[in-house]
């Protein structure tokens, strides 16, 4: 978020925003059927599909993004699923 909004948002302000959002807006816990895609299971609880797919990324960039999401909530983005999610996003972007 900070990278996209610089210089309007500083790194410190980005941290404050993230802390506020983490404290006040918990991701939706949704039940997904077994047939749900990796994006439906692990990305859509917090993000709109249009937000996810609006900017194409390289496989390495997806892995960096997904790692950050996993660090925020391993229950939604389990570390053992990160590579499969990145590969799925790469294939379907």
PDB file of N, CA and C in Angstrom:
ATOM      1  N   UNK A   1       0.834  -1.175   0.000  1.00  0.00           N
ATOM      2  CA  UNK A   1       0.000   0.000   0.000  1.00  0.00           C
ATOM      3  C   UNK A   1       0.881   1.242   0.000  1.00  0.00           C
ATOM      4  N   UNK A   2       1.920   1.237   0.832  1.00  0.00           N
ATOM      5  CA  UNK A   2       2.798   2.391   0.915  1.00  0.00           C
ATOM      6  C   UNK A   2       3.505   2.609  -0.416  1.00  0.00           C
ATOM      7  N   UNK A   3       3.978   1.533  -1.025  1.00  0.00           N
ATOM      8  CA  UNK A   3       4.675   1.656  -2.309  1.00  0.00           C
ATOM      9  C   UNK A   3       3.775   2.264  -3.374  1.00  0.00           C
ATOM     10  N   UNK A   4       2.520   1.871  -3.402  1.00  0.00           N
ATOM     11  CA  UNK A   4       1.592   2.395  -4.395  1.00  0.00           C
ATOM     12  C   UNK A   4       1.224   3.859  -4.133  1.00  0.00           C
ATOM     13  N   UNK A   5       1.229   4.270  -2.870  1.00  0.00           N
ATOM     14  CA  UNK A   5       0.755   5.608  -2.515  1.00  0.00           C
ATOM     15  C   UNK A   5       1.873   6.612  -2.247  1.00  0.00           C
ATOM     16  N   UNK A   6       3.123   6.179  -2.315  1.00  0.00           N
ATOM     17  CA  UNK A   6       4.211   7.127  -2.044  1.00  0.00           C
ATOM     18  C   UNK A   6       4.161   8.273  -3.028  1.00  0.00           C
ATOM     19  N   UNK A   7       4.420   9.478  -2.654  1.00  0.00           N
ATOM     20  CA  UNK A   7       4.877   9.937  -1.346  1.00  0.00           C
ATOM     21  C   UNK A   7       3.727  10.353  -0.435  1.00  0.00           C
ATOM     22  N   UNK A   8       2.499  10.068  -0.809  1.00  0.00           N
ATOM     23  CA  UNK A   8       1.344  10.499  -0.023  1.00  0.00           C
ATOM     24  C   UNK A   8       1.270   9.814   1.338  1.00  0.00           C
ATOM     25  N   UNK A   9       1.736   8.552   1.406  1.00  0.00           N
ATOM     26  CA  UNK A   9       1.714   7.790   2.659  1.00  0.00           C
ATOM     27  C   UNK A   9       3.148   7.377   2.975  1.00  0.00           C
ATOM     28  N   UNK A  10       3.617   7.742   4.151  1.00  0.00           N
ATOM     29  CA  UNK A  10       4.966   7.355   4.564  1.00  0.00           C
ATOM     30  C   UNK A  10       4.941   5.933   5.125  1.00  0.00           C
ATOM     31  N   UNK A  11       6.114   5.371   5.318  1.00  0.00           N
ATOM     32  CA  UNK A  11       6.207   4.026   5.894  1.00  0.00           C
ATOM     33  C   UNK A  11       5.584   3.991   7.287  1.00  0.00           C
ATOM     34  N   UNK A  12       5.848   5.022   8.080  1.00  0.00           N
ATOM     35  CA  UNK A  12       5.270   5.087   9.431  1.00  0.00           C
ATOM     36  C   UNK A  12       3.760   5.169   9.406  1.00  0.00           C
ATOM     37  N   UNK A  13       3.228   5.978   8.490  1.00  0.00           N
ATOM     38  CA  UNK A  13       1.774   6.087   8.363  1.00  0.00           C
ATOM     39  C   UNK A  13       1.178   4.767   7.881  1.00  0.00           C
ATOM     40  N   UNK A  14       1.896   4.089   6.991  1.00  0.00           N
ATOM     41  CA  UNK A  14       1.434   2.780   6.525  1.00  0.00           C
ATOM     42  C   UNK A  14       1.334   1.787   7.670  1.00  0.00           C
ATOM     43  N   UNK A  15       2.306   1.827   8.571  1.00  0.00           N
ATOM     44  CA  UNK A  15       2.270   0.944   9.750  1.00  0.00           C
ATOM     45  C   UNK A  15       1.090   1.268  10.647  1.00  0.00           C
ATOM     46  N   UNK A  16       0.805   2.563  10.815  1.00  0.00           N
ATOM     47  CA  UNK A  16      -0.340   2.972  11.631  1.00  0.00           C
ATOM     48  C   UNK A  16      -1.648   2.489  11.001  1.00  0.00           C
ATOM     49  N   UNK A  17      -1.761   2.630   9.697  1.00  0.00           N
ATOM     50  CA  UNK A  17      -2.966   2.188   8.988  1.00  0.00           C
ATOM     51  C   UNK A  17      -3.140   0.687   9.132  1.00  0.00           C
ATOM     52  N   UNK A  18      -2.059  -0.058   8.950  1.00  0.00           N
ATOM     53  CA  UNK A  18      -2.118  -1.516   9.067  1.00  0.00           C
ATOM     54  C   UNK A  18      -2.530  -1.928  10.476  1.00  0.00           C
ATOM     55  N   UNK A  19      -1.967  -1.277  11.483  1.00  0.00           N
ATOM     56  CA  UNK A  19      -2.338  -1.596  12.869  1.00  0.00           C
ATOM     57  C   UNK A  19      -3.819  -1.329  13.110  1.00  0.00           C
ATOM     58  N   UNK A  20      -4.300  -0.201  12.612  1.00  0.00           N
ATOM     59  CA  UNK A  20      -5.714   0.143  12.775  1.00  0.00           C
ATOM     60  C   UNK A  20      -6.607  -0.902  12.093  1.00  0.00           C
ATOM     61  N   UNK A  21      -6.266  -1.247  10.857  1.00  0.00           N
ATOM     62  CA  UNK A  21      -7.086  -2.218  10.122  1.00  0.00           C
ATOM     63  C   UNK A  21      -7.058  -3.587  10.792  1.00  0.00           C
ATOM     64  N   UNK A  22      -5.891  -4.018  11.237  1.00  0.00           N
ATOM     65  CA  UNK A  22      -5.778  -5.321  11.896  1.00  0.00           C
ATOM     66  C   UNK A  22      -6.595  -5.364  13.183  1.00  0.00           C
ATOM     67  N   UNK A  23      -6.624  -4.246  13.887  1.00  0.00           N
ATOM     68  CA  UNK A  23      -7.358  -4.185  15.153  1.00  0.00           C
ATOM     69  C   UNK A  23      -8.872  -4.102  14.943  1.00  0.00           C
ATOM     70  N   UNK A  24      -9.302  -3.389  13.921  1.00  0.00           N
ATOM     71  CA  UNK A  24     -10.717  -3.079  13.753  1.00  0.00           C
ATOM     72  C   UNK A  24     -11.458  -3.841  12.660  1.00  0.00           C
ATOM     73  N   UNK A  25     -10.737  -4.478  11.775  1.00  0.00           N
ATOM     74  CA  UNK A  25     -11.393  -5.176  10.666  1.00  0.00           C
ATOM     75  C   UNK A  25     -10.789  -6.560  10.503  1.00  0.00           C
ATOM     76  N   UNK A  26     -11.442  -7.536  11.091  1.00  0.00           N
ATOM     77  CA  UNK A  26     -10.982  -8.910  10.962  1.00  0.00           C
ATOM     78  C   UNK A  26     -11.465  -9.492   9.647  1.00  0.00           C
ATOM     79  N   UNK A  27     -10.640 -10.332   9.004  1.00  0.00           N
ATOM     80  CA  UNK A  27     -11.081 -10.966   7.763  1.00  0.00           C
ATOM     81  C   UNK A  27     -12.341 -11.787   7.979  1.00  0.00           C
ATOM     82  N   UNK A  28     -13.152 -11.861   6.943  1.00  0.00           N
ATOM     83  CA  UNK A  28     -14.362 -12.685   6.997  1.00  0.00           C
ATOM     84  C   UNK A  28     -13.959 -14.155   7.040  1.00  0.00           C
ATOM     85  N   UNK A  29     -14.510 -14.852   7.970  1.00  0.00           N
ATOM     86  CA  UNK A  29     -14.288 -16.299   8.025  1.00  0.00           C
ATOM     87  C   UNK A  29     -15.423 -16.934   7.229  1.00  0.00           C
ATOM     88  N   UNK A  30     -15.104 -17.474   6.087  1.00  0.00           N
ATOM     89  CA  UNK A  30     -16.142 -18.035   5.236  1.00  0.00           C
ATOM     90  C   UNK A  30     -15.905 -19.530   5.049  1.00  0.00           C
ATOM     91  N   UNK A  31     -16.973 -20.232   4.946  1.00  0.00           N
ATOM     92  CA  UNK A  31     -16.900 -21.655   4.633  1.00  0.00           C
ATOM     93  C   UNK A  31     -16.834 -21.790   3.121  1.00  0.00           C
ATOM     94  N   UNK A  32     -15.878 -22.526   2.646  1.00  0.00           N
ATOM     95  CA  UNK A  32     -15.766 -22.733   1.201  1.00  0.00           C
ATOM     96  C   UNK A  32     -15.912 -24.214   0.907  1.00  0.00           C
ATOM     97  N   UNK A  33     -16.572 -24.525  -0.186  1.00  0.00           N
ATOM     98  CA  UNK A  33     -16.707 -25.942  -0.547  1.00  0.00           C
ATOM     99  C   UNK A  33     -15.361 -26.521  -0.946  1.00  0.00           C
ATOM    100  N   UNK A  34     -15.249 -27.815  -0.892  1.00  0.00           N
ATOM    101  CA  UNK A  34     -14.005 -28.492  -1.271  1.00  0.00           C
ATOM    102  C   UNK A  34     -13.596 -28.150  -2.698  1.00  0.00           C
ATOM    103  N   UNK A  35     -14.565 -27.843  -3.543  1.00  0.00           N
ATOM    104  CA  UNK A  35     -14.277 -27.537  -4.944  1.00  0.00           C
ATOM    105  C   UNK A  35     -13.813 -26.095  -5.164  1.00  0.00           C
ATOM    106  N   UNK A  36     -13.765 -25.281  -4.106  1.00  0.00           N
ATOM    107  CA  UNK A  36     -13.369 -23.877  -4.246  1.00  0.00           C
ATOM    108  C   UNK A  36     -11.921 -23.755  -4.694  1.00  0.00           C
ATOM    109  N   UNK A  37     -11.642 -22.716  -5.464  1.00  0.00           N
ATOM    110  CA  UNK A  37     -10.273 -22.478  -5.930  1.00  0.00           C
ATOM    111  C   UNK A  37      -9.408 -21.989  -4.769  1.00  0.00           C
ATOM    112  N   UNK A  38      -8.102 -22.000  -4.979  1.00  0.00           N
ATOM    113  CA  UNK A  38      -7.189 -21.502  -3.959  1.00  0.00           C
ATOM    114  C   UNK A  38      -7.446 -20.034  -3.640  1.00  0.00           C
ATOM    115  N   UNK A  39      -7.793 -19.252  -4.661  1.00  0.00           N
ATOM    116  CA  UNK A  39      -8.099 -17.834  -4.437  1.00  0.00           C
ATOM    117  C   UNK A  39      -9.359 -17.699  -3.584  1.00  0.00           C
ATOM    118  N   UNK A  40     -10.377 -18.489  -3.879  1.00  0.00           N
ATOM    119  CA  UNK A  40     -11.610 -18.431  -3.089  1.00  0.00           C
ATOM    120  C   UNK A  40     -11.347 -18.797  -1.630  1.00  0.00           C
ATOM    121  N   UNK A  41     -10.506 -19.786  -1.405  1.00  0.00           N
ATOM    122  CA  UNK A  41     -10.234 -20.246  -0.042  1.00  0.00           C
ATOM    123  C   UNK A  41      -9.306 -19.316   0.729  1.00  0.00           C
ATOM    124  N   UNK A  42      -8.281 -18.802   0.054  1.00  0.00           N
ATOM    125  CA  UNK A  42      -7.217 -18.125   0.788  1.00  0.00           C
ATOM    126  C   UNK A  42      -7.062 -16.634   0.501  1.00  0.00           C
ATOM    127  N   UNK A  43      -7.708 -16.110  -0.524  1.00  0.00           N
ATOM    128  CA  UNK A  43      -7.542 -14.693  -0.860  1.00  0.00           C
ATOM    129  C   UNK A  43      -8.843 -13.898  -0.689  1.00  0.00           C
ATOM    130  N   UNK A  44      -9.957 -14.487  -1.138  1.00  0.00           N
ATOM    131  CA  UNK A  44     -11.221 -13.754  -1.109  1.00  0.00           C
ATOM    132  C   UNK A  44     -11.780 -13.471   0.286  1.00  0.00           C
ATOM    133  N   UNK A  45     -11.321 -14.149   1.343  1.00  0.00           N
ATOM    134  CA  UNK A  45     -11.800 -13.732   2.660  1.00  0.00           C
ATOM    135  C   UNK A  45     -11.430 -12.284   2.993  1.00  0.00           C
ATOM    136  N   UNK A  46     -10.388 -11.759   2.363  1.00  0.00           N
ATOM    137  CA  UNK A  46      -9.944 -10.387   2.667  1.00  0.00           C
ATOM    138  C   UNK A  46      -9.967  -9.443   1.461  1.00  0.00           C
ATOM    139  N   UNK A  47      -9.884  -9.981   0.257  1.00  0.00           N
ATOM    140  CA  UNK A  47      -9.722  -9.157  -0.941  1.00  0.00           C
ATOM    141  C   UNK A  47     -10.802  -9.448  -1.981  1.00  0.00           C
ATOM    142  N   UNK A  48     -11.151  -8.422  -2.742  1.00  0.00           N
ATOM    143  CA  UNK A  48     -12.047  -8.605  -3.888  1.00  0.00           C
ATOM    144  C   UNK A  48     -11.224  -9.175  -5.042  1.00  0.00           C
ATOM    145  N   UNK A  49     -11.844 -10.007  -5.863  1.00  0.00           N
ATOM    146  CA  UNK A  49     -11.139 -10.605  -6.996  1.00  0.00           C
ATOM    147  C   UNK A  49     -10.562  -9.525  -7.916  1.00  0.00           C
ATOM    148  N   UNK A  50     -11.296  -8.438  -8.110  1.00  0.00           N
ATOM    149  CA  UNK A  50     -10.799  -7.364  -8.976  1.00  0.00           C
ATOM    150  C   UNK A  50      -9.525  -6.752  -8.402  1.00  0.00           C
ATOM    151  N   UNK A  51      -9.425  -6.688  -7.098  1.00  0.00           N
ATOM    152  CA  UNK A  51      -8.220  -6.160  -6.448  1.00  0.00           C
ATOM    153  C   UNK A  51      -7.033  -7.096  -6.679  1.00  0.00           C
ATOM    154  N   UNK A  52      -7.288  -8.395  -6.606  1.00  0.00           N
ATOM    155  CA  UNK A  52      -6.226  -9.387  -6.753  1.00  0.00           C
ATOM    156  C   UNK A  52      -5.677  -9.400  -8.173  1.00  0.00           C
ATOM    157  N   UNK A  53      -6.565  -9.355  -9.141  1.00  0.00           N
ATOM    158  CA  UNK A  53      -6.148  -9.537 -10.527  1.00  0.00           C
ATOM    159  C   UNK A  53      -5.897  -8.238 -11.295  1.00  0.00           C
ATOM    160  N   UNK A  54      -6.031  -7.071 -10.656  1.00  0.00           N
ATOM    161  CA  UNK A  54      -5.905  -5.817 -11.402  1.00  0.00           C
ATOM    162  C   UNK A  54      -4.491  -5.585 -11.923  1.00  0.00           C
ATOM    163  N   UNK A  55      -3.481  -6.099 -11.243  1.00  0.00           N
ATOM    164  CA  UNK A  55      -2.096  -5.912 -11.669  1.00  0.00           C
ATOM    165  C   UNK A  55      -1.410  -7.258 -11.798  1.00  0.00           C
ATOM    166  N   UNK A  56      -0.966  -7.617 -12.995  1.00  0.00           N
ATOM    167  CA  UNK A  56      -0.231  -8.874 -13.149  1.00  0.00           C
ATOM    168  C   UNK A  56       1.123  -8.802 -12.414  1.00  0.00           C
ATOM    169  N   UNK A  57       1.546  -9.911 -11.884  1.00  0.00           N
ATOM    170  CA  UNK A  57       2.829  -9.987 -11.169  1.00  0.00           C
ATOM    171  C   UNK A  57       3.621 -11.190 -11.667  1.00  0.00           C
ATOM    172  N   UNK A  58       4.921 -11.161 -11.450  1.00  0.00           N
ATOM    173  CA  UNK A  58       5.769 -12.322 -11.716  1.00  0.00           C
ATOM    174  C   UNK A  58       5.545 -13.341 -10.597  1.00  0.00           C
ATOM    175  N   UNK A  59       6.015 -14.556 -10.804  1.00  0.00           N
ATOM    176  CA  UNK A  59       5.881 -15.591  -9.777  1.00  0.00           C
ATOM    177  C   UNK A  59       6.579 -15.155  -8.490  1.00  0.00           C
ATOM    178  N   UNK A  60       7.738 -14.566  -8.611  1.00  0.00           N
ATOM    179  CA  UNK A  60       8.470 -14.114  -7.416  1.00  0.00           C
ATOM    180  C   UNK A  60       7.683 -13.028  -6.688  1.00  0.00           C
ATOM    181  N   UNK A  61       7.103 -12.090  -7.430  1.00  0.00           N
ATOM    182  CA  UNK A  61       6.314 -11.020  -6.802  1.00  0.00           C
ATOM    183  C   UNK A  61       5.098 -11.590  -6.090  1.00  0.00           C
ATOM    184  N   UNK A  62       4.411 -12.562  -6.724  1.00  0.00           N
ATOM    185  CA  UNK A  62       3.262 -13.194  -6.055  1.00  0.00           C
ATOM    186  C   UNK A  62       3.717 -13.857  -4.758  1.00  0.00           C
ATOM    187  N   UNK A  63       4.861 -14.533  -4.791  1.00  0.00           N
ATOM    188  CA  UNK A  63       5.345 -15.215  -3.583  1.00  0.00           C
ATOM    189  C   UNK A  63       5.626 -14.222  -2.460  1.00  0.00           C
ATOM    190  N   UNK A  64       6.175 -13.065  -2.800  1.00  0.00           N
ATOM    191  CA  UNK A  64       6.451 -12.035  -1.792  1.00  0.00           C
ATOM    192  C   UNK A  64       5.140 -11.527  -1.194  1.00  0.00           C
ATOM    193  N   UNK A  65       4.166 -11.246  -2.052  1.00  0.00           N
ATOM    194  CA  UNK A  65       2.861 -10.758  -1.595  1.00  0.00           C
ATOM    195  C   UNK A  65       2.184 -11.790  -0.695  1.00  0.00           C
ATOM    196  N   UNK A  66       2.176 -13.037  -1.145  1.00  0.00           N
ATOM    197  CA  UNK A  66       1.498 -14.105  -0.401  1.00  0.00           C
ATOM    198  C   UNK A  66       2.188 -14.359   0.935  1.00  0.00           C
ATOM    199  N   UNK A  67       3.513 -14.263   0.961  1.00  0.00           N
ATOM    200  CA  UNK A  67       4.244 -14.438   2.222  1.00  0.00           C
ATOM    201  C   UNK A  67       3.816 -13.373   3.225  1.00  0.00           C
ATOM    202  N   UNK A  68       3.654 -12.131   2.764  1.00  0.00           N
ATOM    203  CA  UNK A  68       3.200 -11.061   3.660  1.00  0.00           C
ATOM    204  C   UNK A  68       1.804 -11.365   4.196  1.00  0.00           C
ATOM    205  N   UNK A  69       0.928 -11.884   3.346  1.00  0.00           N
ATOM    206  CA  UNK A  69      -0.427 -12.210   3.781  1.00  0.00           C
ATOM    207  C   UNK A  69      -0.401 -13.352   4.799  1.00  0.00           C
ATOM    208  N   UNK A  70       0.459 -14.327   4.576  1.00  0.00           N
ATOM    209  CA  UNK A  70       0.578 -15.448   5.501  1.00  0.00           C
ATOM    210  C   UNK A  70       1.091 -14.972   6.857  1.00  0.00           C
ATOM    211  N   UNK A  71       2.009 -14.021   6.836  1.00  0.00           N
ATOM    212  CA  UNK A  71       2.532 -13.488   8.095  1.00  0.00           C
ATOM    213  C   UNK A  71       1.445 -12.757   8.875  1.00  0.00           C
ATOM    214  N   UNK A  72       0.462 -12.184   8.167  1.00  0.00           N
ATOM    215  CA  UNK A  72      -0.648 -11.503   8.837  1.00  0.00           C
ATOM    216  C   UNK A  72      -1.638 -12.489   9.445  1.00  0.00           C
ATOM    217  N   UNK A  73      -1.895 -13.602   8.745  1.00  0.00           N
ATOM    218  CA  UNK A  73      -2.849 -14.592   9.261  1.00  0.00           C
ATOM    219  C   UNK A  73      -2.595 -15.957   8.623  1.00  0.00           C
ATOM    220  N   UNK A  74      -1.866 -16.796   9.344  1.00  0.00           N
ATOM    221  CA  UNK A  74      -1.544 -18.139   8.842  1.00  0.00           C
ATOM    222  C   UNK A  74      -2.769 -19.034   8.734  1.00  0.00           C
ATOM    223  N   UNK A  75      -3.847 -18.688   9.425  1.00  0.00           N
ATOM    224  CA  UNK A  75      -5.060 -19.494   9.319  1.00  0.00           C
ATOM    225  C   UNK A  75      -5.730 -19.306   7.967  1.00  0.00           C
ATOM    226  N   UNK A  76      -5.627 -18.115   7.408  1.00  0.00           N
ATOM    227  CA  UNK A  76      -6.228 -17.864   6.099  1.00  0.00           C
ATOM    228  C   UNK A  76      -5.259 -18.251   4.987  1.00  0.00           C
ATOM    229  N   UNK A  77      -3.981 -17.908   5.165  1.00  0.00           N
ATOM    230  CA  UNK A  77      -2.966 -18.237   4.157  1.00  0.00           C
ATOM    231  C   UNK A  77      -1.899 -19.110   4.827  1.00  0.00           C
ATOM    232  N   UNK A  78      -2.143 -20.424   4.868  1.00  0.00           N
ATOM    233  CA  UNK A  78      -1.187 -21.319   5.515  1.00  0.00           C
ATOM    234  C   UNK A  78       0.149 -21.345   4.765  1.00  0.00           C
ATOM    235  N   UNK A  79       1.267 -21.329   5.482  1.00  0.00           N
ATOM    236  CA  UNK A  79       2.575 -21.340   4.828  1.00  0.00           C
ATOM    237  C   UNK A  79       2.763 -22.493   3.847  1.00  0.00           C
ATOM    238  N   UNK A  80       2.180 -23.643   4.142  1.00  0.00           N
ATOM    239  CA  UNK A  80       2.349 -24.787   3.248  1.00  0.00           C
ATOM    240  C   UNK A  80       1.557 -24.656   1.941  1.00  0.00           C
ATOM    241  N   UNK A  81       0.703 -23.655   1.834  1.00  0.00           N
ATOM    242  CA  UNK A  81      -0.085 -23.435   0.611  1.00  0.00           C
ATOM    243  C   UNK A  81       0.458 -22.280  -0.233  1.00  0.00           C
ATOM    244  N   UNK A  82       1.458 -21.552   0.278  1.00  0.00           N
ATOM    245  CA  UNK A  82       1.914 -20.332  -0.389  1.00  0.00           C
ATOM    246  C   UNK A  82       2.372 -20.568  -1.830  1.00  0.00           C
ATOM    247  N   UNK A  83       3.178 -21.592  -2.055  1.00  0.00           N
ATOM    248  CA  UNK A  83       3.669 -21.849  -3.424  1.00  0.00           C
ATOM    249  C   UNK A  83       2.538 -22.211  -4.375  1.00  0.00           C
ATOM    250  N   UNK A  84       1.606 -23.031  -3.915  1.00  0.00           N
ATOM    251  CA  UNK A  84       0.476 -23.415  -4.772  1.00  0.00           C
ATOM    252  C   UNK A  84      -0.408 -22.208  -5.095  1.00  0.00           C
ATOM    253  N   UNK A  85      -0.608 -21.332  -4.118  1.00  0.00           N
ATOM    254  CA  UNK A  85      -1.401 -20.124  -4.356  1.00  0.00           C
ATOM    255  C   UNK A  85      -0.699 -19.234  -5.381  1.00  0.00           C
ATOM    256  N   UNK A  86       0.605 -19.051  -5.225  1.00  0.00           N
ATOM    257  CA  UNK A  86       1.379 -18.218  -6.171  1.00  0.00           C
ATOM    258  C   UNK A  86       1.301 -18.794  -7.580  1.00  0.00           C
ATOM    259  N   UNK A  87       1.457 -20.097  -7.701  1.00  0.00           N
ATOM    260  CA  UNK A  87       1.381 -20.742  -9.020  1.00  0.00           C
ATOM    261  C   UNK A  87      -0.017 -20.586  -9.617  1.00  0.00           C
ATOM    262  N   UNK A  88      -1.041 -20.730  -8.797  1.00  0.00           N
ATOM    263  CA  UNK A  88      -2.424 -20.558  -9.258  1.00  0.00           C
ATOM    264  C   UNK A  88      -2.646 -19.141  -9.775  1.00  0.00           C
ATOM    265  N   UNK A  89      -2.197 -18.151  -8.993  1.00  0.00           N
ATOM    266  CA  UNK A  89      -2.366 -16.757  -9.397  1.00  0.00           C
ATOM    267  C   UNK A  89      -1.599 -16.463 -10.682  1.00  0.00           C
ATOM    268  N   UNK A  90      -0.402 -16.991 -10.802  1.00  0.00           N
ATOM    269  CA  UNK A  90       0.390 -16.795 -12.008  1.00  0.00           C
ATOM    270  C   UNK A  90      -0.338 -17.342 -13.232  1.00  0.00           C
ATOM    271  N   UNK A  91      -0.890 -18.531 -13.077  1.00  0.00           N
ATOM    272  CA  UNK A  91      -1.580 -19.201 -14.179  1.00  0.00           C
ATOM    273  C   UNK A  91      -2.880 -18.487 -14.556  1.00  0.00           C
ATOM    274  N   UNK A  92      -3.562 -17.885 -13.586  1.00  0.00           N
ATOM    275  CA  UNK A  92      -4.894 -17.339 -13.817  1.00  0.00           C
ATOM    276  C   UNK A  92      -4.969 -15.811 -13.874  1.00  0.00           C
ATOM    277  N   UNK A  93      -3.821 -15.141 -13.842  1.00  0.00           N
ATOM    278  CA  UNK A  93      -3.869 -13.665 -13.881  1.00  0.00           C
ATOM    279  C   UNK A  93      -4.156 -13.132 -15.269  1.00  0.00           C
TER     280      UNK A  93
END
